[in-house]
N, C-alpha and C. Protein backbone atom coordinates (compact mmCIF):
# COMPACT_ATOMS: atom_id res chain seq x y z
N MET A 1 -46.05 15.51 -2.04
CA MET A 1 -45.55 14.56 -1.22
C MET A 1 -47.16 13.92 -0.49
N MET A 2 -47.56 14.46 0.18
CA MET A 2 -49.33 14.29 0.87
C MET A 2 -49.78 13.39 0.07
N GLU A 3 -50.02 14.07 -1.71
CA GLU A 3 -51.15 14.07 -2.39
C GLU A 3 -51.00 12.54 -3.41
N ILE A 4 -49.54 12.09 -2.98
CA ILE A 4 -49.48 10.67 -3.67
C ILE A 4 -49.97 9.59 -2.58
N PHE A 5 -49.82 10.17 -0.90
CA PHE A 5 -49.87 9.15 -0.13
C PHE A 5 -51.71 9.19 -0.06
N ARG A 6 -52.26 10.13 -0.28
CA ARG A 6 -53.60 10.16 -0.06
C ARG A 6 -53.94 9.32 -1.15
N ILE A 7 -53.50 9.52 -2.35
CA ILE A 7 -54.05 8.66 -3.96
C ILE A 7 -53.62 7.27 -3.41
N LEU A 8 -52.47 6.61 -2.88
CA LEU A 8 -51.98 5.58 -2.52
C LEU A 8 -53.45 4.82 -1.19
N ASP A 9 -53.46 5.68 -0.04
CA ASP A 9 -54.77 5.17 0.72
C ASP A 9 -55.79 4.69 -0.30
N GLU A 10 -56.60 5.80 -1.15
CA GLU A 10 -57.65 5.79 -1.96
C GLU A 10 -57.51 4.22 -2.78
N LEU A 11 -56.31 3.93 -3.34
CA LEU A 11 -56.34 2.88 -4.17
C LEU A 11 -56.29 1.35 -3.20
N GLU A 12 -55.75 1.82 -2.01
CA GLU A 12 -55.70 0.71 -1.15
C GLU A 12 -57.51 0.43 -0.69
N LEU A 13 -58.01 1.48 -0.42
CA LEU A 13 -59.41 1.41 0.22
C LEU A 13 -60.27 0.79 -1.22
N MET A 14 -59.75 0.74 -2.41
CA MET A 14 -60.83 0.67 -3.60
C MET A 14 -60.22 -0.98 -3.40
N ILE A 15 -59.20 -1.37 -3.07
CA ILE A 15 -59.27 -3.14 -3.25
C ILE A 15 -59.65 -3.34 -1.70
N LYS A 16 -59.57 -2.74 -0.77
CA LYS A 16 -60.13 -3.38 0.40
C LYS A 16 -61.88 -3.35 0.56
N ASP A 17 -62.27 -2.08 -0.45
CA ASP A 17 -63.54 -2.19 -0.09
C ASP A 17 -64.26 -2.44 -1.29
N GLY A 18 -63.47 -3.20 -2.24
CA GLY A 18 -64.04 -3.94 -3.53
C GLY A 18 -65.15 -4.92 -3.02
N LYS A 19 -65.66 -5.24 -4.03
CA LYS A 19 -66.56 -6.20 -4.49
C LYS A 19 -66.25 -7.68 -4.10
N LYS A 20 -66.15 -8.85 -3.21
CA LYS A 20 -65.64 -9.69 -3.15
C LYS A 20 -66.11 -10.21 -4.30
N VAL A 21 -65.46 -11.53 -5.54
CA VAL A 21 -65.98 -12.39 -6.14
C VAL A 21 -66.42 -13.74 -5.86
N PRO A 22 -67.31 -14.14 -5.74
CA PRO A 22 -67.22 -15.34 -5.15
C PRO A 22 -66.67 -16.17 -5.57
N LEU A 23 -66.33 -17.29 -4.91
CA LEU A 23 -65.52 -18.49 -5.57
C LEU A 23 -64.39 -18.30 -5.90
N SER A 24 -63.17 -17.05 -5.67
CA SER A 24 -62.53 -16.77 -6.61
C SER A 24 -60.71 -16.67 -5.15
N SER A 25 -61.10 -17.18 -4.21
CA SER A 25 -59.98 -16.99 -3.12
C SER A 25 -59.72 -15.80 -3.37
N GLY A 26 -60.45 -15.08 -2.46
CA GLY A 26 -60.32 -13.68 -1.97
C GLY A 26 -60.10 -12.27 -3.31
N LYS A 27 -59.97 -12.63 -4.62
CA LYS A 27 -60.12 -11.77 -5.37
C LYS A 27 -61.38 -10.90 -5.29
N VAL A 28 -60.68 -9.25 -5.80
CA VAL A 28 -61.86 -7.97 -5.48
C VAL A 28 -62.46 -7.35 -7.12
N PHE A 29 -63.73 -7.31 -6.95
CA PHE A 29 -63.78 -6.60 -8.02
C PHE A 29 -63.75 -5.20 -7.97
N ILE A 30 -63.01 -4.24 -8.74
CA ILE A 30 -62.56 -2.74 -8.55
C ILE A 30 -63.54 -2.07 -9.80
N ASP A 31 -63.43 -0.67 -9.78
CA ASP A 31 -63.93 -0.34 -10.91
C ASP A 31 -62.23 0.36 -11.42
N PRO A 32 -62.41 -0.22 -12.98
CA PRO A 32 -61.17 -0.14 -13.34
C PRO A 32 -60.78 1.53 -13.99
N ASN A 33 -62.05 2.19 -14.31
CA ASN A 33 -61.78 3.54 -14.59
C ASN A 33 -61.17 4.49 -13.18
N ARG A 34 -61.77 4.10 -12.43
CA ARG A 34 -61.25 4.80 -11.00
C ARG A 34 -60.13 4.53 -10.75
N PHE A 35 -59.30 2.82 -10.98
CA PHE A 35 -58.33 2.72 -10.25
C PHE A 35 -57.51 3.43 -11.07
N LEU A 36 -57.59 3.51 -12.93
CA LEU A 36 -56.77 4.08 -13.57
C LEU A 36 -56.43 5.45 -13.81
N ASP A 37 -57.53 6.17 -13.31
CA ASP A 37 -57.70 7.56 -12.81
C ASP A 37 -56.64 8.05 -11.76
N ARG A 38 -56.73 7.17 -10.41
CA ARG A 38 -56.28 7.49 -9.56
C ARG A 38 -54.25 7.33 -9.94
N ILE A 39 -54.13 6.17 -10.82
CA ILE A 39 -52.63 5.76 -11.30
C ILE A 39 -52.37 7.02 -11.72
N ASP A 40 -52.86 7.50 -13.07
CA ASP A 40 -53.21 8.65 -13.77
C ASP A 40 -52.59 10.06 -13.09
N ARG A 41 -52.95 10.24 -11.93
CA ARG A 41 -53.06 11.38 -10.95
C ARG A 41 -51.64 11.03 -10.46
N ILE A 42 -51.26 9.50 -9.82
CA ILE A 42 -49.38 9.58 -9.57
C ILE A 42 -49.02 10.44 -10.24
N ARG A 43 -49.09 9.42 -11.85
CA ARG A 43 -48.02 9.76 -12.75
C ARG A 43 -48.23 11.31 -12.80
N ALA A 44 -49.11 11.98 -12.72
CA ALA A 44 -48.73 13.51 -12.57
C ALA A 44 -48.27 14.04 -11.72
N ILE A 45 -48.26 13.46 -10.45
CA ILE A 45 -47.61 14.09 -9.22
C ILE A 45 -46.24 13.65 -9.30
N LEU A 46 -45.92 12.45 -9.61
CA LEU A 46 -44.25 12.14 -9.55
C LEU A 46 -43.20 12.90 -10.32
N PRO A 47 -43.65 13.75 -11.51
CA PRO A 47 -42.68 14.41 -11.72
C PRO A 47 -42.49 15.79 -10.84
N GLU A 48 -43.49 16.50 -10.33
CA GLU A 48 -43.49 17.38 -9.59
C GLU A 48 -42.54 16.71 -8.01
N GLU A 49 -42.34 15.60 -7.61
CA GLU A 49 -41.71 15.17 -6.79
C GLU A 49 -40.48 14.92 -6.99
N LEU A 50 -39.91 14.47 -8.20
CA LEU A 50 -38.79 14.15 -8.86
C LEU A 50 -38.03 15.57 -8.86
N GLU A 51 -38.77 16.54 -9.31
CA GLU A 51 -38.14 17.46 -9.49
C GLU A 51 -37.76 18.39 -8.24
N THR A 52 -38.42 18.17 -7.17
CA THR A 52 -38.18 18.30 -5.82
C THR A 52 -36.79 17.59 -5.37
N ALA A 53 -36.64 16.68 -5.66
CA ALA A 53 -35.61 15.82 -5.43
C ALA A 53 -34.23 16.46 -5.84
N ARG A 54 -34.73 17.09 -7.03
CA ARG A 54 -33.44 17.42 -7.76
C ARG A 54 -32.82 18.58 -7.78
N SER A 55 -33.88 19.04 -6.93
CA SER A 55 -34.05 21.01 -6.50
C SER A 55 -32.87 20.69 -5.26
N LEU A 56 -33.35 19.78 -4.57
CA LEU A 56 -32.38 19.34 -3.18
C LEU A 56 -30.88 19.06 -3.69
N LEU A 57 -31.21 18.49 -4.53
CA LEU A 57 -29.76 18.11 -4.75
C LEU A 57 -28.85 19.06 -5.75
N ARG A 58 -29.89 20.30 -6.36
CA ARG A 58 -28.83 21.15 -6.46
C ARG A 58 -28.49 21.72 -5.54
N ASP A 59 -29.42 22.36 -4.31
CA ASP A 59 -29.27 23.13 -3.33
C ASP A 59 -28.05 22.60 -2.37
N LYS A 60 -27.83 21.11 -2.48
CA LYS A 60 -27.07 20.54 -1.57
C LYS A 60 -25.61 20.63 -2.27
N GLU A 61 -25.55 20.86 -3.77
CA GLU A 61 -24.23 21.03 -4.34
C GLU A 61 -23.86 22.56 -3.92
N ARG A 62 -24.98 23.54 -3.97
CA ARG A 62 -24.63 24.89 -3.58
C ARG A 62 -23.79 25.09 -2.33
N ILE A 63 -24.81 24.47 -1.43
CA ILE A 63 -24.01 24.21 0.15
C ILE A 63 -22.75 24.35 -0.24
N VAL A 64 -22.38 22.81 -0.40
CA VAL A 64 -20.90 22.16 -0.50
C VAL A 64 -20.07 23.56 -1.37
N GLN A 65 -20.51 23.92 -2.43
CA GLN A 65 -19.41 24.96 -2.97
C GLN A 65 -19.22 26.11 -2.15
N GLU A 66 -20.43 26.27 -1.54
CA GLU A 66 -20.21 27.57 -0.64
C GLU A 66 -19.11 27.50 0.63
N ALA A 67 -19.20 26.08 1.29
CA ALA A 67 -18.69 25.63 2.07
C ALA A 67 -17.22 26.00 1.95
N TYR A 68 -16.86 25.43 0.40
CA TYR A 68 -15.51 25.35 -0.15
C TYR A 68 -14.95 27.06 -0.02
N ALA A 69 -15.85 27.54 -0.45
CA ALA A 69 -15.81 29.12 -1.05
C ALA A 69 -15.02 29.55 0.51
N GLN A 70 -15.89 29.25 1.21
CA GLN A 70 -16.14 29.86 2.68
C GLN A 70 -14.43 29.73 3.36
N ALA A 71 -14.35 28.10 2.98
CA ALA A 71 -12.75 27.86 3.65
C ALA A 71 -11.48 28.18 2.96
N GLU A 72 -12.06 28.35 1.69
CA GLU A 72 -10.98 29.19 0.81
C GLU A 72 -10.67 30.63 1.48
N GLN A 73 -12.17 31.29 1.52
CA GLN A 73 -11.39 32.81 1.98
C GLN A 73 -10.94 32.44 3.78
N TYR A 74 -11.05 31.70 4.31
CA TYR A 74 -10.73 31.69 5.70
C TYR A 74 -9.20 31.39 5.48
N VAL A 75 -8.72 30.34 4.32
CA VAL A 75 -7.53 29.73 4.42
C VAL A 75 -6.40 31.59 4.02
N GLU A 76 -7.27 32.19 2.72
CA GLU A 76 -6.47 33.46 2.35
C GLU A 76 -6.54 34.36 3.06
N HIS A 77 -7.43 34.37 3.77
CA HIS A 77 -7.70 35.50 5.31
C HIS A 77 -6.60 35.31 6.28
N SER A 78 -6.33 34.05 6.56
CA SER A 78 -5.24 33.38 8.00
C SER A 78 -4.21 33.63 6.83
N ARG A 79 -3.86 33.21 5.79
CA ARG A 79 -2.36 34.05 4.79
C ARG A 79 -2.08 35.02 4.79
N GLY A 80 -3.11 35.97 5.02
CA GLY A 80 -2.69 37.34 4.62
C GLY A 80 -2.65 37.94 6.23
N GLN A 81 -3.17 37.41 7.32
CA GLN A 81 -2.49 37.57 8.48
C GLN A 81 -1.17 37.24 8.68
N ALA A 82 -1.19 36.10 8.27
CA ALA A 82 0.37 35.84 9.01
C ALA A 82 1.30 36.38 7.90
N ALA A 83 1.37 36.51 6.68
CA ALA A 83 2.35 37.55 6.01
C ALA A 83 2.47 39.01 7.27
N ARG A 84 1.60 39.63 7.37
CA ARG A 84 1.71 40.89 7.79
C ARG A 84 2.29 40.78 9.67
N LEU A 85 2.02 39.32 9.94
CA LEU A 85 2.64 39.25 11.07
C LEU A 85 4.03 38.67 11.17
N LEU A 86 5.02 38.49 9.95
CA LEU A 86 6.13 37.82 9.85
C LEU A 86 7.43 38.73 10.69
N ASP A 87 7.08 39.80 10.43
CA ASP A 87 8.03 40.90 11.00
C ASP A 87 8.86 40.27 12.71
N GLU A 88 7.96 40.01 13.84
CA GLU A 88 8.48 39.77 14.79
C GLU A 88 8.37 38.56 15.04
N ASN A 89 9.17 37.89 15.72
CA ASN A 89 9.19 36.30 15.88
C ASN A 89 8.09 35.72 16.97
N GLU A 90 7.76 36.22 18.09
CA GLU A 90 7.10 36.31 19.06
C GLU A 90 5.53 35.95 18.20
N ILE A 91 5.39 37.22 17.55
CA ILE A 91 4.12 37.84 16.79
C ILE A 91 3.61 36.33 15.53
N THR A 92 5.13 36.06 14.96
CA THR A 92 5.06 35.01 13.74
C THR A 92 4.89 33.50 14.22
N ARG A 93 5.16 33.50 15.52
CA ARG A 93 4.44 32.04 16.26
C ARG A 93 3.36 31.88 16.56
N ASN A 94 2.45 33.24 16.79
CA ASN A 94 1.38 33.23 17.46
C ASN A 94 1.09 33.23 16.10
N ALA A 95 0.90 33.86 14.79
CA ALA A 95 0.13 33.83 13.71
C ALA A 95 0.36 32.84 12.88
N MET A 96 1.21 31.66 12.98
CA MET A 96 1.23 30.64 12.51
C MET A 96 0.40 29.79 13.05
N GLU A 97 0.51 29.43 14.51
CA GLU A 97 -0.56 29.03 15.09
C GLU A 97 -2.35 29.30 14.98
N MET A 98 -2.43 30.46 15.17
CA MET A 98 -3.36 30.93 15.01
C MET A 98 -4.26 30.59 12.94
N ALA A 99 -3.11 30.57 12.08
CA ALA A 99 -3.39 30.04 10.65
C ALA A 99 -3.62 28.84 10.87
N ASP A 100 -2.70 28.07 11.77
CA ASP A 100 -3.54 26.68 11.43
C ASP A 100 -4.21 26.46 12.01
N GLU A 101 -4.87 26.69 13.00
CA GLU A 101 -6.06 26.65 13.87
C GLU A 101 -7.37 27.48 12.96
N ILE A 102 -7.39 28.06 12.21
CA ILE A 102 -8.38 28.97 11.32
C ILE A 102 -8.38 27.84 10.44
N VAL A 103 -7.38 27.33 9.75
CA VAL A 103 -7.19 26.29 8.26
C VAL A 103 -7.96 24.90 8.63
N ALA A 104 -7.60 25.09 10.14
CA ALA A 104 -8.50 23.28 10.68
C ALA A 104 -9.81 23.71 10.94
N ARG A 105 -10.20 24.86 11.10
CA ARG A 105 -11.86 24.78 11.61
C ARG A 105 -12.28 24.75 10.08
N ALA A 106 -11.55 25.88 9.30
CA ALA A 106 -12.11 25.87 7.73
C ALA A 106 -12.64 24.55 7.06
N LYS A 107 -11.52 23.62 7.53
CA LYS A 107 -11.62 22.50 6.75
C LYS A 107 -12.67 21.40 8.16
N GLU A 108 -12.85 21.51 8.98
CA GLU A 108 -13.79 21.09 9.50
C GLU A 108 -15.05 21.16 9.41
N LEU A 109 -15.36 23.01 9.26
CA LEU A 109 -16.54 23.28 9.32
C LEU A 109 -17.32 22.71 7.86
N SER A 110 -16.50 23.03 6.61
CA SER A 110 -16.74 22.44 5.79
C SER A 110 -17.00 21.11 5.63
N GLN A 111 -16.63 20.38 6.35
CA GLN A 111 -16.47 18.69 6.34
C GLN A 111 -17.96 18.42 7.19
N GLU A 112 -18.16 19.64 7.73
CA GLU A 112 -19.73 19.27 8.74
C GLU A 112 -20.59 19.75 7.78
N ILE A 113 -20.42 20.81 6.78
CA ILE A 113 -21.32 21.35 6.29
C ILE A 113 -21.30 20.32 4.73
N ARG A 114 -20.95 19.86 4.13
CA ARG A 114 -20.63 18.69 3.73
C ARG A 114 -21.26 17.82 3.86
N GLN A 115 -21.07 17.22 5.41
CA GLN A 115 -21.56 16.22 5.73
C GLN A 115 -23.48 16.17 5.90
N ASP A 116 -23.57 17.20 6.45
CA ASP A 116 -25.17 17.62 6.66
C ASP A 116 -25.67 17.67 5.47
N ALA A 117 -25.21 18.18 4.40
CA ALA A 117 -25.82 18.72 3.25
C ALA A 117 -25.81 16.97 2.58
N ASN A 118 -24.99 15.89 3.11
CA ASN A 118 -25.16 14.86 2.28
C ASN A 118 -26.11 13.71 2.71
N GLU A 119 -26.07 13.96 4.30
CA GLU A 119 -27.29 13.65 5.43
C GLU A 119 -28.76 14.03 4.94
N TYR A 120 -28.79 15.28 4.74
CA TYR A 120 -29.86 15.88 4.53
C TYR A 120 -30.33 15.02 2.67
N ALA A 121 -29.59 15.05 2.18
CA ALA A 121 -30.05 14.68 1.04
C ALA A 121 -30.34 13.21 0.63
N GLU A 122 -29.61 12.67 1.29
CA GLU A 122 -29.69 11.25 1.47
C GLU A 122 -31.25 10.61 1.83
N GLY A 123 -31.67 11.62 3.13
CA GLY A 123 -33.00 11.08 3.43
C GLY A 123 -33.97 11.92 2.94
N VAL A 124 -34.03 12.69 1.91
CA VAL A 124 -35.11 13.32 0.92
C VAL A 124 -35.01 12.01 0.19
N LEU A 125 -33.83 11.47 -0.44
CA LEU A 125 -33.65 10.59 -1.70
C LEU A 125 -34.32 9.26 -0.96
N THR A 126 -34.09 8.80 0.10
CA THR A 126 -34.89 7.47 0.64
C THR A 126 -36.21 7.60 1.28
N HIS A 127 -36.65 8.94 1.54
CA HIS A 127 -37.54 9.21 1.25
C HIS A 127 -38.54 8.87 0.08
N MET A 128 -38.25 9.36 -0.84
CA MET A 128 -38.79 9.67 -2.28
C MET A 128 -38.96 8.24 -2.78
N GLU A 129 -37.64 7.42 -2.38
CA GLU A 129 -37.14 6.07 -3.00
C GLU A 129 -38.75 5.47 -2.14
N MET A 130 -38.69 5.80 -1.03
CA MET A 130 -39.78 4.88 -0.43
C MET A 130 -41.43 5.20 -0.74
N VAL A 131 -41.58 6.03 -1.23
CA VAL A 131 -42.84 6.66 -1.95
C VAL A 131 -43.06 5.95 -3.26
N LEU A 132 -41.93 6.14 -3.94
CA LEU A 132 -42.11 5.94 -5.38
C LEU A 132 -41.97 3.81 -5.14
N ARG A 133 -41.53 3.64 -4.74
CA ARG A 133 -41.61 1.96 -4.34
C ARG A 133 -43.01 1.68 -3.68
N ARG A 134 -43.66 2.24 -2.92
CA ARG A 134 -45.12 2.01 -2.50
C ARG A 134 -45.94 2.17 -3.79
N GLY A 135 -45.67 3.75 -4.46
CA GLY A 135 -46.31 3.67 -5.60
C GLY A 135 -46.37 2.56 -6.55
N LEU A 136 -44.84 2.33 -6.96
CA LEU A 136 -45.14 0.95 -7.79
C LEU A 136 -45.50 -0.55 -7.46
N GLU A 137 -45.56 -0.76 -6.34
CA GLU A 137 -46.19 -1.90 -5.94
C GLU A 137 -47.43 -1.61 -5.68
N ALA A 138 -48.41 -0.66 -5.33
CA ALA A 138 -49.73 -0.24 -5.42
C ALA A 138 -49.99 -0.43 -6.92
N ILE A 139 -49.46 -0.08 -8.13
CA ILE A 139 -49.73 -0.01 -9.31
C ILE A 139 -49.64 -1.42 -9.29
N SER A 140 -48.67 -2.24 -9.25
CA SER A 140 -47.83 -3.69 -10.05
C SER A 140 -49.12 -4.33 -9.42
N MET A 141 -49.85 -4.03 -8.20
CA MET A 141 -50.99 -5.27 -7.73
C MET A 141 -52.43 -4.75 -8.03
N GLY A 142 -52.50 -3.16 -8.49
CA GLY A 142 -53.79 -3.25 -8.85
C GLY A 142 -53.60 -3.52 -10.43
N LYS A 143 -52.41 -4.07 -11.06
CA LYS A 143 -52.57 -4.29 -12.91
C LYS A 143 -52.58 -6.03 -12.29
N GLU A 144 -52.27 -6.29 -11.70
CA GLU A 144 -52.13 -8.14 -11.35
C GLU A 144 -53.68 -8.01 -11.33
N GLU A 145 -54.24 -7.42 -10.41
CA GLU A 145 -55.79 -7.54 -9.98
C GLU A 145 -56.76 -7.40 -11.47
N LEU A 146 -56.20 -6.31 -12.04
CA LEU A 146 -56.91 -6.32 -13.58
C LEU A 146 -56.85 -7.17 -14.04
N ARG A 147 -55.43 -7.77 -14.20
CA ARG A 147 -55.26 -9.02 -15.26
C ARG A 147 -56.23 -9.98 -14.47
N GLN A 148 -56.29 -10.18 -13.26
CA GLN A 148 -57.16 -11.53 -12.99
C GLN A 148 -58.44 -11.30 -13.02
N SER A 149 -58.68 -10.05 -13.07
CA SER A 149 -60.39 -9.90 -13.19
C SER A 149 -60.56 -10.02 -14.44
N MET A 150 -59.83 -9.70 -15.49
CA MET A 150 -59.80 -9.90 -16.98
C MET A 150 -60.08 -11.48 -17.27
N ASP A 151 -59.46 -12.21 -16.72
CA ASP A 151 -58.57 -13.48 -16.92
C ASP A 151 -60.15 -14.35 -16.36
N GLU A 152 -60.84 -13.83 -15.36
CA GLU A 152 -61.87 -14.73 -15.00
C GLU A 152 -63.65 -14.31 -15.82
């Protein structure tokens, strides 16, 4: 991730430090080979970053599945406890209350874990989107400047 930012900074510096073309309303001459080399490096790095995002999504799915499995274990455990305690009236009421509390807590916990996983994945994807957008903007600006340089 940091490598892409470093390369984008280099591209920005190339444009800022480029030689001004006289009478061209602010156009800059840059070394196209150097610029294209940086774009190739970004292309080489992006698949790694995308794989990282995919991995995070898989982790999110795994966490959600584990939360469901744990909730099911809580439910089964509470049902087992409830069945053993059905013999006596007072114990039965207590068991039912405990079972309801355990089920409610399991659902709460599952929802919290799912929410946290979704927020984490959304944050990572938002960050990736921002990085990719900046990269595409830098590439577009570079291509536009190259086109303008070639037109002159």
